């Protein structure tokens, strides 16, 4: 699904992948984000036929790494968790040495009065927590670092 989103004086071109996939892949002006919506509403299957939302196009193609045409395998994902948007860290849910799984909530970032769960994009062990509750972070700022494989 494609749409234009206007925030203040700026318009963003947004493409949303399969809304039933986890994470949902969203392309905002060429930058891809993985979004983990919370399921707090009934599924389309639970709605009466008249209230069911219109069908949405198939999922976006897999994200490819720079200089490659194939999707990035999970074992080659970044060694850090980056802030997807600027905001304030309001909750940390992991500590150094914690083993985490793919999709696990790591921290909560508040931006524009909305709380955003930052989730793990891979399984691994947290080596460093690079922020504290109350820290103001910028987009793409490292929040956490995974332990190097084999360390």
Protein backbone atom coordinates (compact mmCIF):
# COMPACT_ATOMS: atom_id res chain seq x y z
CA UNK A 1 0.00 0.00 0.00
CA UNK A 2 1.41 3.38 -0.97
CA UNK A 3 0.47 6.73 0.51
CA UNK A 4 1.73 10.24 1.09
CA UNK A 5 1.92 11.32 4.73
CA UNK A 6 2.16 14.99 5.60
CA UNK A 7 3.74 15.98 8.92
CA UNK A 8 3.96 19.72 9.40
CA UNK A 9 5.31 21.19 6.16
CA UNK A 10 6.99 17.97 4.96
CA UNK A 11 5.37 15.24 2.88
CA UNK A 12 6.74 11.69 3.05
CA UNK A 13 6.15 8.95 0.48
CA UNK A 14 5.31 5.80 2.49
CA UNK A 15 5.00 2.20 1.31
CA UNK A 16 3.65 -0.34 3.81
CA UNK A 17 4.29 -4.06 3.36
CA UNK A 18 2.12 -6.94 4.56
CA UNK A 19 0.34 -5.65 7.70
CA UNK A 20 -0.04 -9.21 9.00
CA UNK A 21 3.71 -9.95 8.88
CA UNK A 22 5.87 -9.35 11.94
CA UNK A 23 7.73 -7.12 11.62
CA UNK A 24 5.81 -4.97 9.14
CA UNK A 25 8.26 -3.43 6.69
CA UNK A 26 7.65 0.23 5.97
CA UNK A 27 9.57 2.26 3.38
CA UNK A 28 9.61 6.01 4.14
CA UNK A 29 11.21 8.03 1.35
CA UNK A 30 13.54 5.13 0.51
CA UNK A 31 14.52 4.30 4.10
CA UNK A 32 13.16 0.96 5.34
CA UNK A 33 11.94 0.49 8.92
CA UNK A 34 10.73 -2.65 10.66
CA UNK A 35 7.62 -1.90 12.70
CA UNK A 36 6.22 -4.19 15.42
CA UNK A 37 2.57 -3.16 15.84
CA UNK A 38 0.87 -4.29 19.00
CA UNK A 39 -2.20 -6.46 18.38
CA UNK A 40 -4.82 -4.56 20.36
CA UNK A 41 -7.70 -4.81 17.92
CA UNK A 42 -9.68 -7.74 16.58
CA UNK A 43 -8.24 -9.44 13.54
CA UNK A 44 -9.94 -9.05 10.17
CA UNK A 45 -11.12 -12.67 10.54
CA UNK A 46 -13.06 -11.72 13.68
CA UNK A 47 -14.85 -8.79 12.02
CA UNK A 48 -18.18 -9.18 10.27
CA UNK A 49 -17.79 -9.32 6.47
CA UNK A 50 -19.23 -5.81 6.05
CA UNK A 51 -16.64 -4.37 8.45
CA UNK A 52 -13.61 -6.26 7.12
CA UNK A 53 -10.91 -3.97 5.70
CA UNK A 54 -10.15 -4.07 1.99
CA UNK A 55 -7.42 -6.47 0.93
CA UNK A 56 -3.88 -5.15 0.87
CA UNK A 57 -1.25 -5.88 -1.74
CA UNK A 58 1.36 -8.61 -1.14
CA UNK A 59 4.38 -8.03 1.08
CA UNK A 60 7.27 -5.85 0.00
CA UNK A 61 10.29 -7.65 -1.38
CA UNK A 62 12.96 -8.61 1.18
CA UNK A 63 15.43 -5.93 2.18
CA UNK A 64 18.75 -6.30 0.39
CA UNK A 65 22.08 -5.22 1.85
CA UNK A 66 24.06 -2.49 0.13
CA UNK A 67 25.81 -3.82 -2.95
CA UNK A 68 23.84 -7.06 -3.06
CA UNK A 69 20.65 -8.21 -4.63
CA UNK A 70 19.79 -10.85 -2.04
CA UNK A 71 18.16 -10.38 1.37
CA UNK A 72 20.43 -10.03 4.38
CA UNK A 73 20.53 -13.35 6.29
CA UNK A 74 19.75 -13.04 10.03
CA UNK A 75 23.27 -14.05 11.05
CA UNK A 76 24.69 -11.04 9.17
CA UNK A 77 22.44 -8.44 10.76
CA UNK A 78 23.93 -5.40 12.45
CA UNK A 79 25.79 -5.81 15.70
CA UNK A 80 23.92 -2.79 17.12
CA UNK A 81 20.33 -1.74 17.65
CA UNK A 82 19.77 1.76 16.24
CA UNK A 83 17.07 4.28 17.12
CA UNK A 84 14.58 4.29 14.22
CA UNK A 85 13.43 7.83 15.09
CA UNK A 86 14.54 10.60 17.45
CA UNK A 87 13.00 10.49 20.93
CA UNK A 88 13.53 9.81 24.63
CA UNK A 89 14.32 6.43 26.18
CA UNK A 90 11.55 5.78 28.73
CA UNK A 91 12.22 2.13 29.59
CA UNK A 92 15.12 -0.34 29.29
CA UNK A 93 14.13 -4.00 29.40
CA UNK A 94 17.53 -5.67 28.99
CA UNK A 95 20.97 -5.50 30.61
CA UNK A 96 24.46 -6.47 29.44
CA UNK A 97 24.75 -10.26 29.34
CA UNK A 98 21.05 -10.85 28.67
CA UNK A 99 20.28 -13.40 25.99
CA UNK A 100 17.59 -12.10 23.62
CA UNK A 101 15.49 -13.65 20.87
CA UNK A 102 14.34 -12.29 17.53
CA UNK A 103 11.44 -9.88 18.09
CA UNK A 104 11.99 -9.50 21.85
CA UNK A 105 11.26 -6.03 23.23
CA UNK A 106 14.52 -4.37 24.27
CA UNK A 107 13.53 -0.84 25.23
CA UNK A 108 10.81 1.76 24.79
CA UNK A 109 11.43 5.03 22.97
CA UNK A 110 8.92 7.87 23.26
CA UNK A 111 8.59 10.13 20.24
CA UNK A 112 5.85 12.69 19.58
CA UNK A 113 3.98 11.50 22.71
CA UNK A 114 3.87 7.92 21.39
CA UNK A 115 5.70 4.99 22.98
CA UNK A 116 7.56 2.82 20.47
CA UNK A 117 8.77 -0.67 21.35
CA UNK A 118 12.27 -1.27 20.04
CA UNK A 119 12.63 -4.98 19.34
CA UNK A 120 15.53 -7.24 18.58
CA UNK A 121 16.15 -7.90 14.90
CA UNK A 122 18.10 -11.06 15.75
CA UNK A 123 18.88 -13.53 18.49
CA UNK A 124 22.01 -12.92 20.51
CA UNK A 125 23.50 -11.66 23.76
CA UNK A 126 23.50 -7.98 24.75
CA UNK A 127 27.09 -6.80 25.20
CA UNK A 128 26.51 -3.08 25.93
CA UNK A 129 23.56 -0.86 26.77
CA UNK A 130 24.59 2.49 25.31
CA UNK A 131 21.73 4.62 26.67
CA UNK A 132 19.92 5.21 29.95
CA UNK A 133 16.31 6.00 30.82
CA UNK A 134 15.73 9.70 30.14
CA UNK A 135 18.36 9.97 27.39
CA UNK A 136 17.39 11.99 24.31
CA UNK A 137 18.48 10.01 21.22
CA UNK A 138 18.70 10.93 17.57
CA UNK A 139 17.69 8.83 14.57
CA UNK A 140 20.16 5.99 13.85
CA UNK A 141 21.94 6.50 17.20
CA UNK A 142 23.18 3.16 18.62
CA UNK A 143 21.10 2.08 21.63
CA UNK A 144 22.45 -1.40 22.37
CA UNK A 145 25.24 -3.62 21.06
CA UNK A 146 25.22 -7.39 20.64
CA UNK A 147 28.15 -9.55 21.73
CA UNK A 148 30.36 -10.55 18.80
CA UNK A 149 29.65 -14.08 17.56
CA UNK A 150 31.95 -16.61 19.23
CA UNK A 151 32.98 -14.19 22.02
